[in-house]
Structures are given as structure tokens and as C-alpha cells.
Full PDB file with SEQRES, HELIX, SHEET, SSBOND, CRYST1, ORIGX, SCALE, CONECT and MASTER records, all heavy atoms in Angstrom:
SEQRES   1 A   32  PRO ALA THR LEU THR VAL PHE LEU PRO ILE LEU SER ALA          
SEQRES   2 A   32  LEU SER GLU THR LEU LEU ILE ASN PRO LEU HIS THR LEU          
SEQRES   3 A   32  ILE PRO SER THR MET CYS                                      
HELIX    1 AA1 ALA A    2  THR A   17  1                                  16    
HELIX    2 AA2 PRO A   22  MET A   31  1                                  10    
CRYST1    1.000    1.000    1.000  90.00  90.00  90.00 P 1           1          
ORIGX1      1.000000  0.000000  0.000000        0.00000                         
ORIGX2      0.000000  1.000000  0.000000        0.00000                         
ORIGX3      0.000000  0.000000  1.000000        0.00000                         
SCALE1      1.000000  0.000000  0.000000        0.00000                         
SCALE2      0.000000  1.000000  0.000000        0.00000                         
SCALE3      0.000000  0.000000  1.000000        0.00000                         
ATOM      1  N   PRO A   1       7.998  10.471  -5.071  1.00  0.00           N  
ATOM      2  CA  PRO A   1       6.732  10.914  -4.467  1.00  0.00           C  
ATOM      3  C   PRO A   1       5.522  10.620  -5.352  1.00  0.00           C  
ATOM      4  O   PRO A   1       4.455  10.281  -4.850  1.00  0.00           O  
ATOM      5  CB  PRO A   1       6.921  12.425  -4.295  1.00  0.00           C  
ATOM      6  CG  PRO A   1       8.388  12.644  -4.321  1.00  0.00           C  
ATOM      7  CD  PRO A   1       8.954  11.569  -5.188  1.00  0.00           C  
ATOM      8  N   ALA A   2       5.686  10.729  -6.657  1.00  0.00           N  
ATOM      9  CA  ALA A   2       4.562  10.436  -7.547  1.00  0.00           C  
ATOM     10  C   ALA A   2       4.202   8.956  -7.482  1.00  0.00           C  
ATOM     11  O   ALA A   2       3.019   8.601  -7.459  1.00  0.00           O  
ATOM     12  CB  ALA A   2       4.911  10.834  -8.977  1.00  0.00           C  
ATOM     13  N   THR A   3       5.208   8.100  -7.444  1.00  0.00           N  
ATOM     14  CA  THR A   3       4.947   6.660  -7.343  1.00  0.00           C  
ATOM     15  C   THR A   3       4.194   6.340  -6.060  1.00  0.00           C  
ATOM     16  O   THR A   3       3.221   5.580  -6.063  1.00  0.00           O  
ATOM     17  CB  THR A   3       6.263   5.872  -7.400  1.00  0.00           C  
ATOM     18  OG1 THR A   3       6.948   6.191  -8.613  1.00  0.00           O  
ATOM     19  CG2 THR A   3       6.024   4.384  -7.332  1.00  0.00           C  
ATOM     20  N   LEU A   4       4.622   6.941  -4.964  1.00  0.00           N  
ATOM     21  CA  LEU A   4       3.935   6.705  -3.694  1.00  0.00           C  
ATOM     22  C   LEU A   4       2.512   7.243  -3.721  1.00  0.00           C  
ATOM     23  O   LEU A   4       1.592   6.589  -3.232  1.00  0.00           O  
ATOM     24  CB  LEU A   4       4.709   7.357  -2.544  1.00  0.00           C  
ATOM     25  CG  LEU A   4       5.970   6.633  -2.110  1.00  0.00           C  
ATOM     26  CD1 LEU A   4       6.698   7.426  -1.049  1.00  0.00           C  
ATOM     27  CD2 LEU A   4       5.651   5.242  -1.602  1.00  0.00           C  
ATOM     28  N   THR A   5       2.338   8.420  -4.283  1.00  0.00           N  
ATOM     29  CA  THR A   5       1.014   9.020  -4.314  1.00  0.00           C  
ATOM     30  C   THR A   5       0.048   8.190  -5.146  1.00  0.00           C  
ATOM     31  O   THR A   5      -1.140   8.107  -4.836  1.00  0.00           O  
ATOM     32  CB  THR A   5       1.090  10.455  -4.875  1.00  0.00           C  
ATOM     33  OG1 THR A   5       2.032  11.197  -4.098  1.00  0.00           O  
ATOM     34  CG2 THR A   5      -0.235  11.152  -4.808  1.00  0.00           C  
ATOM     35  N   VAL A   6       0.546   7.555  -6.193  1.00  0.00           N  
ATOM     36  CA  VAL A   6      -0.313   6.720  -7.033  1.00  0.00           C  
ATOM     37  C   VAL A   6      -0.571   5.366  -6.374  1.00  0.00           C  
ATOM     38  O   VAL A   6      -1.707   4.896  -6.308  1.00  0.00           O  
ATOM     39  CB  VAL A   6       0.309   6.514  -8.434  1.00  0.00           C  
ATOM     40  CG1 VAL A   6      -0.430   5.445  -9.211  1.00  0.00           C  
ATOM     41  CG2 VAL A   6       0.319   7.819  -9.209  1.00  0.00           C  
ATOM     42  N   PHE A   7       0.488   4.726  -5.868  1.00  0.00           N  
ATOM     43  CA  PHE A   7       0.357   3.331  -5.454  1.00  0.00           C  
ATOM     44  C   PHE A   7      -0.101   3.109  -4.015  1.00  0.00           C  
ATOM     45  O   PHE A   7      -0.686   2.065  -3.726  1.00  0.00           O  
ATOM     46  CB  PHE A   7       1.663   2.580  -5.698  1.00  0.00           C  
ATOM     47  CG  PHE A   7       1.816   2.157  -7.119  1.00  0.00           C  
ATOM     48  CD1 PHE A   7       2.588   2.894  -7.998  1.00  0.00           C  
ATOM     49  CD2 PHE A   7       1.163   1.048  -7.597  1.00  0.00           C  
ATOM     50  CE1 PHE A   7       2.713   2.529  -9.313  1.00  0.00           C  
ATOM     51  CE2 PHE A   7       1.274   0.669  -8.920  1.00  0.00           C  
ATOM     52  CZ  PHE A   7       2.056   1.411  -9.779  1.00  0.00           C  
ATOM     53  N   LEU A   8       0.152   4.028  -3.107  1.00  0.00           N  
ATOM     54  CA  LEU A   8      -0.275   3.771  -1.733  1.00  0.00           C  
ATOM     55  C   LEU A   8      -1.793   3.653  -1.596  1.00  0.00           C  
ATOM     56  O   LEU A   8      -2.264   2.740  -0.902  1.00  0.00           O  
ATOM     57  CB  LEU A   8       0.305   4.823  -0.779  1.00  0.00           C  
ATOM     58  CG  LEU A   8       1.809   4.702  -0.520  1.00  0.00           C  
ATOM     59  CD1 LEU A   8       2.250   5.693   0.542  1.00  0.00           C  
ATOM     60  CD2 LEU A   8       2.227   3.296  -0.150  1.00  0.00           C  
ATOM     61  N   PRO A   9      -2.581   4.506  -2.243  1.00  0.00           N  
ATOM     62  CA  PRO A   9      -4.035   4.261  -2.167  1.00  0.00           C  
ATOM     63  C   PRO A   9      -4.459   2.940  -2.820  1.00  0.00           C  
ATOM     64  O   PRO A   9      -5.366   2.263  -2.326  1.00  0.00           O  
ATOM     65  CB  PRO A   9      -4.641   5.451  -2.913  1.00  0.00           C  
ATOM     66  CG  PRO A   9      -3.606   6.509  -2.859  1.00  0.00           C  
ATOM     67  CD  PRO A   9      -2.292   5.788  -2.878  1.00  0.00           C  
ATOM     68  N   ILE A  10      -3.789   2.562  -3.901  1.00  0.00           N  
ATOM     69  CA  ILE A  10      -4.097   1.286  -4.550  1.00  0.00           C  
ATOM     70  C   ILE A  10      -3.789   0.136  -3.607  1.00  0.00           C  
ATOM     71  O   ILE A  10      -4.605  -0.770  -3.412  1.00  0.00           O  
ATOM     72  CB  ILE A  10      -3.300   1.133  -5.858  1.00  0.00           C  
ATOM     73  CG1 ILE A  10      -3.778   2.131  -6.903  1.00  0.00           C  
ATOM     74  CG2 ILE A  10      -3.406  -0.289  -6.401  1.00  0.00           C  
ATOM     75  CD1 ILE A  10      -2.920   2.177  -8.150  1.00  0.00           C  
ATOM     76  N   LEU A  11      -2.601   0.169  -3.008  1.00  0.00           N  
ATOM     77  CA  LEU A  11      -2.208  -0.920  -2.112  1.00  0.00           C  
ATOM     78  C   LEU A  11      -3.037  -0.932  -0.839  1.00  0.00           C  
ATOM     79  O   LEU A  11      -3.309  -2.003  -0.290  1.00  0.00           O  
ATOM     80  CB  LEU A  11      -0.718  -0.807  -1.789  1.00  0.00           C  
ATOM     81  CG  LEU A  11       0.215  -1.006  -2.988  1.00  0.00           C  
ATOM     82  CD1 LEU A  11       1.661  -0.749  -2.588  1.00  0.00           C  
ATOM     83  CD2 LEU A  11       0.052  -2.392  -3.578  1.00  0.00           C  
ATOM     84  N   SER A  12      -3.449   0.226  -0.384  1.00  0.00           N  
ATOM     85  CA  SER A  12      -4.315   0.280   0.795  1.00  0.00           C  
ATOM     86  C   SER A  12      -5.664  -0.352   0.503  1.00  0.00           C  
ATOM     87  O   SER A  12      -6.170  -1.163   1.295  1.00  0.00           O  
ATOM     88  CB  SER A  12      -4.482   1.738   1.236  1.00  0.00           C  
ATOM     89  OG  SER A  12      -5.324   1.809   2.346  1.00  0.00           O  
ATOM     90  N   ALA A  13      -6.251   0.007  -0.632  1.00  0.00           N  
ATOM     91  CA  ALA A  13      -7.538  -0.593  -1.018  1.00  0.00           C  
ATOM     92  C   ALA A  13      -7.390  -2.094  -1.247  1.00  0.00           C  
ATOM     93  O   ALA A  13      -8.264  -2.875  -0.867  1.00  0.00           O  
ATOM     94  CB  ALA A  13      -8.071   0.086  -2.272  1.00  0.00           C  
ATOM     95  N   LEU A  14      -6.272  -2.494  -1.849  1.00  0.00           N  
ATOM     96  CA  LEU A  14      -6.025  -3.913  -2.076  1.00  0.00           C  
ATOM     97  C   LEU A  14      -5.922  -4.663  -0.750  1.00  0.00           C  
ATOM     98  O   LEU A  14      -6.505  -5.738  -0.586  1.00  0.00           O  
ATOM     99  CB  LEU A  14      -4.741  -4.105  -2.885  1.00  0.00           C  
ATOM    100  CG  LEU A  14      -4.272  -5.538  -3.096  1.00  0.00           C  
ATOM    101  CD1 LEU A  14      -5.285  -6.308  -3.937  1.00  0.00           C  
ATOM    102  CD2 LEU A  14      -2.906  -5.557  -3.744  1.00  0.00           C  
ATOM    103  N   SER A  15      -5.196  -4.096   0.193  1.00  0.00           N  
ATOM    104  CA  SER A  15      -5.045  -4.740   1.506  1.00  0.00           C  
ATOM    105  C   SER A  15      -6.382  -4.881   2.213  1.00  0.00           C  
ATOM    106  O   SER A  15      -6.668  -5.917   2.822  1.00  0.00           O  
ATOM    107  CB  SER A  15      -4.083  -3.936   2.380  1.00  0.00           C  
ATOM    108  OG  SER A  15      -2.802  -3.929   1.811  1.00  0.00           O  
ATOM    109  N   GLU A  16      -7.208  -3.852   2.130  1.00  0.00           N  
ATOM    110  CA  GLU A  16      -8.528  -3.929   2.759  1.00  0.00           C  
ATOM    111  C   GLU A  16      -9.396  -4.985   2.075  1.00  0.00           C  
ATOM    112  O   GLU A  16     -10.115  -5.719   2.741  1.00  0.00           O  
ATOM    113  CB  GLU A  16      -9.211  -2.571   2.703  1.00  0.00           C  
ATOM    114  CG  GLU A  16      -8.569  -1.539   3.599  1.00  0.00           C  
ATOM    115  CD  GLU A  16      -9.160  -0.156   3.417  1.00  0.00           C  
ATOM    116  OE1 GLU A  16     -10.202  -0.037   2.743  1.00  0.00           O  
ATOM    117  OE2 GLU A  16      -8.573   0.797   3.946  1.00  0.00           O  
ATOM    118  N   THR A  17      -9.300  -5.054   0.756  1.00  0.00           N  
ATOM    119  CA  THR A  17     -10.086  -6.037   0.012  1.00  0.00           C  
ATOM    120  C   THR A  17      -9.660  -7.459   0.361  1.00  0.00           C  
ATOM    121  O   THR A  17     -10.497  -8.355   0.494  1.00  0.00           O  
ATOM    122  CB  THR A  17      -9.930  -5.810  -1.503  1.00  0.00           C  
ATOM    123  OG1 THR A  17     -10.357  -4.480  -1.815  1.00  0.00           O  
ATOM    124  CG2 THR A  17     -10.757  -6.793  -2.302  1.00  0.00           C  
ATOM    125  N   LEU A  18      -8.350  -7.670   0.528  1.00  0.00           N  
ATOM    126  CA  LEU A  18      -7.822  -9.009   0.813  1.00  0.00           C  
ATOM    127  C   LEU A  18      -7.766  -9.320   2.302  1.00  0.00           C  
ATOM    128  O   LEU A  18      -7.265 -10.373   2.694  1.00  0.00           O  
ATOM    129  CB  LEU A  18      -6.426  -9.148   0.201  1.00  0.00           C  
ATOM    130  CG  LEU A  18      -6.323  -8.943  -1.307  1.00  0.00           C  
ATOM    131  CD1 LEU A  18      -4.886  -9.121  -1.768  1.00  0.00           C  
ATOM    132  CD2 LEU A  18      -7.243  -9.892  -2.044  1.00  0.00           C  
ATOM    133  N   LEU A  19      -8.249  -8.392   3.135  1.00  0.00           N  
ATOM    134  CA  LEU A  19      -8.252  -8.546   4.593  1.00  0.00           C  
ATOM    135  C   LEU A  19      -6.844  -8.760   5.155  1.00  0.00           C  
ATOM    136  O   LEU A  19      -6.600  -9.631   5.990  1.00  0.00           O  
ATOM    137  CB  LEU A  19      -9.184  -9.686   5.011  1.00  0.00           C  
ATOM    138  CG  LEU A  19     -10.643  -9.541   4.585  1.00  0.00           C  
ATOM    139  CD1 LEU A  19     -11.427 -10.783   4.946  1.00  0.00           C  
ATOM    140  CD2 LEU A  19     -11.266  -8.294   5.171  1.00  0.00           C  
ATOM    141  N   ILE A  20      -5.895  -7.945   4.650  1.00  0.00           N  
ATOM    142  CA  ILE A  20      -4.513  -7.950   5.120  1.00  0.00           C  
ATOM    143  C   ILE A  20      -4.286  -6.625   5.849  1.00  0.00           C  
ATOM    144  O   ILE A  20      -4.820  -5.592   5.437  1.00  0.00           O  
ATOM    145  CB  ILE A  20      -3.520  -8.051   3.937  1.00  0.00           C  
ATOM    146  CG1 ILE A  20      -3.745  -9.340   3.163  1.00  0.00           C  
ATOM    147  CG2 ILE A  20      -2.086  -7.964   4.405  1.00  0.00           C  
ATOM    148  CD1 ILE A  20      -2.942  -9.413   1.871  1.00  0.00           C  
ATOM    149  N   ASN A  21      -3.504  -6.650   6.905  1.00  0.00           N  
ATOM    150  CA  ASN A  21      -3.141  -5.405   7.574  1.00  0.00           C  
ATOM    151  C   ASN A  21      -2.429  -4.505   6.562  1.00  0.00           C  
ATOM    152  O   ASN A  21      -1.395  -4.890   6.017  1.00  0.00           O  
ATOM    153  CB  ASN A  21      -2.227  -5.696   8.762  1.00  0.00           C  
ATOM    154  CG  ASN A  21      -1.883  -4.447   9.550  1.00  0.00           C  
ATOM    155  OD1 ASN A  21      -2.179  -3.328   9.143  1.00  0.00           O  
ATOM    156  ND2 ASN A  21      -1.277  -4.660  10.697  1.00  0.00           N  
ATOM    157  N   PRO A  22      -2.946  -3.310   6.265  1.00  0.00           N  
ATOM    158  CA  PRO A  22      -2.341  -2.447   5.252  1.00  0.00           C  
ATOM    159  C   PRO A  22      -0.876  -2.093   5.535  1.00  0.00           C  
ATOM    160  O   PRO A  22      -0.095  -1.888   4.603  1.00  0.00           O  
ATOM    161  CB  PRO A  22      -3.213  -1.191   5.272  1.00  0.00           C  
ATOM    162  CG  PRO A  22      -4.514  -1.632   5.814  1.00  0.00           C  
ATOM    163  CD  PRO A  22      -4.195  -2.737   6.773  1.00  0.00           C  
ATOM    164  N   LEU A  23      -0.496  -2.049   6.793  1.00  0.00           N  
ATOM    165  CA  LEU A  23       0.895  -1.705   7.115  1.00  0.00           C  
ATOM    166  C   LEU A  23       1.879  -2.758   6.612  1.00  0.00           C  
ATOM    167  O   LEU A  23       3.015  -2.436   6.287  1.00  0.00           O  
ATOM    168  CB  LEU A  23       1.061  -1.510   8.622  1.00  0.00           C  
ATOM    169  CG  LEU A  23       0.296  -0.324   9.214  1.00  0.00           C  
ATOM    170  CD1 LEU A  23       0.511  -0.267  10.715  1.00  0.00           C  
ATOM    171  CD2 LEU A  23       0.707   0.966   8.555  1.00  0.00           C  
ATOM    172  N   HIS A  24       1.420  -3.999   6.514  1.00  0.00           N  
ATOM    173  CA  HIS A  24       2.297  -5.064   6.023  1.00  0.00           C  
ATOM    174  C   HIS A  24       2.599  -4.921   4.537  1.00  0.00           C  
ATOM    175  O   HIS A  24       3.564  -5.491   4.036  1.00  0.00           O  
ATOM    176  CB  HIS A  24       1.695  -6.430   6.297  1.00  0.00           C  
ATOM    177  CG  HIS A  24       1.614  -6.750   7.752  1.00  0.00           C  
ATOM    178  ND1 HIS A  24       0.808  -7.740   8.249  1.00  0.00           N  
ATOM    179  CD2 HIS A  24       2.222  -6.208   8.832  1.00  0.00           C  
ATOM    180  CE1 HIS A  24       0.921  -7.802   9.558  1.00  0.00           C  
ATOM    181  NE2 HIS A  24       1.768  -6.869   9.937  1.00  0.00           N  
ATOM    182  N   THR A  25       1.781  -4.187   3.834  1.00  0.00           N  
ATOM    183  CA  THR A  25       2.002  -3.936   2.415  1.00  0.00           C  
ATOM    184  C   THR A  25       2.585  -2.544   2.172  1.00  0.00           C  
ATOM    185  O   THR A  25       3.495  -2.380   1.367  1.00  0.00           O  
ATOM    186  CB  THR A  25       0.673  -4.069   1.646  1.00  0.00           C  
ATOM    187  OG1 THR A  25       0.093  -5.329   1.950  1.00  0.00           O  
ATOM    188  CG2 THR A  25       0.886  -3.973   0.161  1.00  0.00           C  
ATOM    189  N   LEU A  26       2.080  -1.550   2.897  1.00  0.00           N  
ATOM    190  CA  LEU A  26       2.471  -0.164   2.643  1.00  0.00           C  
ATOM    191  C   LEU A  26       3.893   0.164   3.079  1.00  0.00           C  
ATOM    192  O   LEU A  26       4.622   0.858   2.361  1.00  0.00           O  
ATOM    193  CB  LEU A  26       1.485   0.796   3.319  1.00  0.00           C  
ATOM    194  CG  LEU A  26       0.038   0.697   2.856  1.00  0.00           C  
ATOM    195  CD1 LEU A  26      -0.834   1.687   3.604  1.00  0.00           C  
ATOM    196  CD2 LEU A  26      -0.070   0.912   1.371  1.00  0.00           C  
ATOM    197  N   ILE A  27       4.306  -0.321   4.232  1.00  0.00           N  
ATOM    198  CA  ILE A  27       5.655   0.017   4.723  1.00  0.00           C  
ATOM    199  C   ILE A  27       6.749  -0.575   3.842  1.00  0.00           C  
ATOM    200  O   ILE A  27       7.659   0.153   3.415  1.00  0.00           O  
ATOM    201  CB  ILE A  27       5.809  -0.381   6.206  1.00  0.00           C  
ATOM    202  CG1 ILE A  27       4.935   0.533   7.065  1.00  0.00           C  
ATOM    203  CG2 ILE A  27       7.272  -0.284   6.646  1.00  0.00           C  
ATOM    204  CD1 ILE A  27       4.889   0.166   8.522  1.00  0.00           C  
ATOM    205  N   PRO A  28       6.710  -1.874   3.499  1.00  0.00           N  
ATOM    206  CA  PRO A  28       7.753  -2.388   2.593  1.00  0.00           C  
ATOM    207  C   PRO A  28       7.727  -1.724   1.222  1.00  0.00           C  
ATOM    208  O   PRO A  28       8.781  -1.454   0.636  1.00  0.00           O  
ATOM    209  CB  PRO A  28       7.445  -3.884   2.478  1.00  0.00           C  
ATOM    210  CG  PRO A  28       6.624  -4.213   3.663  1.00  0.00           C  
ATOM    211  CD  PRO A  28       5.864  -2.975   3.995  1.00  0.00           C  
ATOM    212  N   SER A  29       6.543  -1.430   0.707  1.00  0.00           N  
ATOM    213  CA  SER A  29       6.457  -0.772  -0.596  1.00  0.00           C  
ATOM    214  C   SER A  29       7.049   0.632  -0.549  1.00  0.00           C  
ATOM    215  O   SER A  29       7.740   1.052  -1.484  1.00  0.00           O  
ATOM    216  CB  SER A  29       5.004  -0.700  -1.054  1.00  0.00           C  
ATOM    217  OG  SER A  29       4.479  -1.994  -1.198  1.00  0.00           O  
ATOM    218  N   THR A  30       6.793   1.344   0.520  1.00  0.00           N  
ATOM    219  CA  THR A  30       7.355   2.688   0.675  1.00  0.00           C  
ATOM    220  C   THR A  30       8.875   2.635   0.726  1.00  0.00           C  
ATOM    221  O   THR A  30       9.557   3.479   0.133  1.00  0.00           O  
ATOM    222  CB  THR A  30       6.800   3.353   1.946  1.00  0.00           C  
ATOM    223  OG1 THR A  30       5.374   3.408   1.847  1.00  0.00           O  
ATOM    224  CG2 THR A  30       7.341   4.748   2.117  1.00  0.00           C  
ATOM    225  N   MET A  31       9.404   1.647   1.407  1.00  0.00           N  
ATOM    226  CA  MET A  31      10.863   1.506   1.471  1.00  0.00           C  
ATOM    227  C   MET A  31      11.435   1.153   0.100  1.00  0.00           C  
ATOM    228  O   MET A  31      12.501   1.650  -0.276  1.00  0.00           O  
ATOM    229  CB  MET A  31      11.243   0.452   2.509  1.00  0.00           C  
ATOM    230  CG  MET A  31      10.930   0.893   3.924  1.00  0.00           C  
ATOM    231  SD  MET A  31      11.244  -0.369   5.153  1.00  0.00           S  
ATOM    232  CE  MET A  31      12.956  -0.663   4.942  1.00  0.00           C  
ATOM    233  N   CYS A  32      10.743   0.327  -0.660  1.00  0.00           N  
ATOM    234  CA  CYS A  32      11.235  -0.078  -1.981  1.00  0.00           C  
ATOM    235  C   CYS A  32      11.242   1.076  -2.978  1.00  0.00           C  
ATOM    236  O   CYS A  32      12.041   1.067  -3.914  1.00  0.00           O  
ATOM    237  CB  CYS A  32      10.397  -1.225  -2.525  1.00  0.00           C  
ATOM    238  SG  CYS A  32      10.730  -2.786  -1.709  1.00  0.00           S  
TER     239      CYS A  32                                                      
MASTER        0    0    0    2    0    0    0    6  238    1    0    3          
END                                                                             
């Protein structure tokens, strides 16, 4: 849970910055 709490906002901001659908990054990362 700590890893998710730290990295999901980072990956969400990264996805928005790179104009990628955030779900394409967040869902696989959550599973990993």
C-alpha cells in the first residue's frame, strides 16, 4: 500500500505530462 500511495500520483502526473491515458500506466503498475 505504501508503494502504491507513493507511486500512483507520480505515474498519474507522468501520464498526464506525456499525454498517455493514465489507466494504461496505473493498472499494470498496480498489478505489479
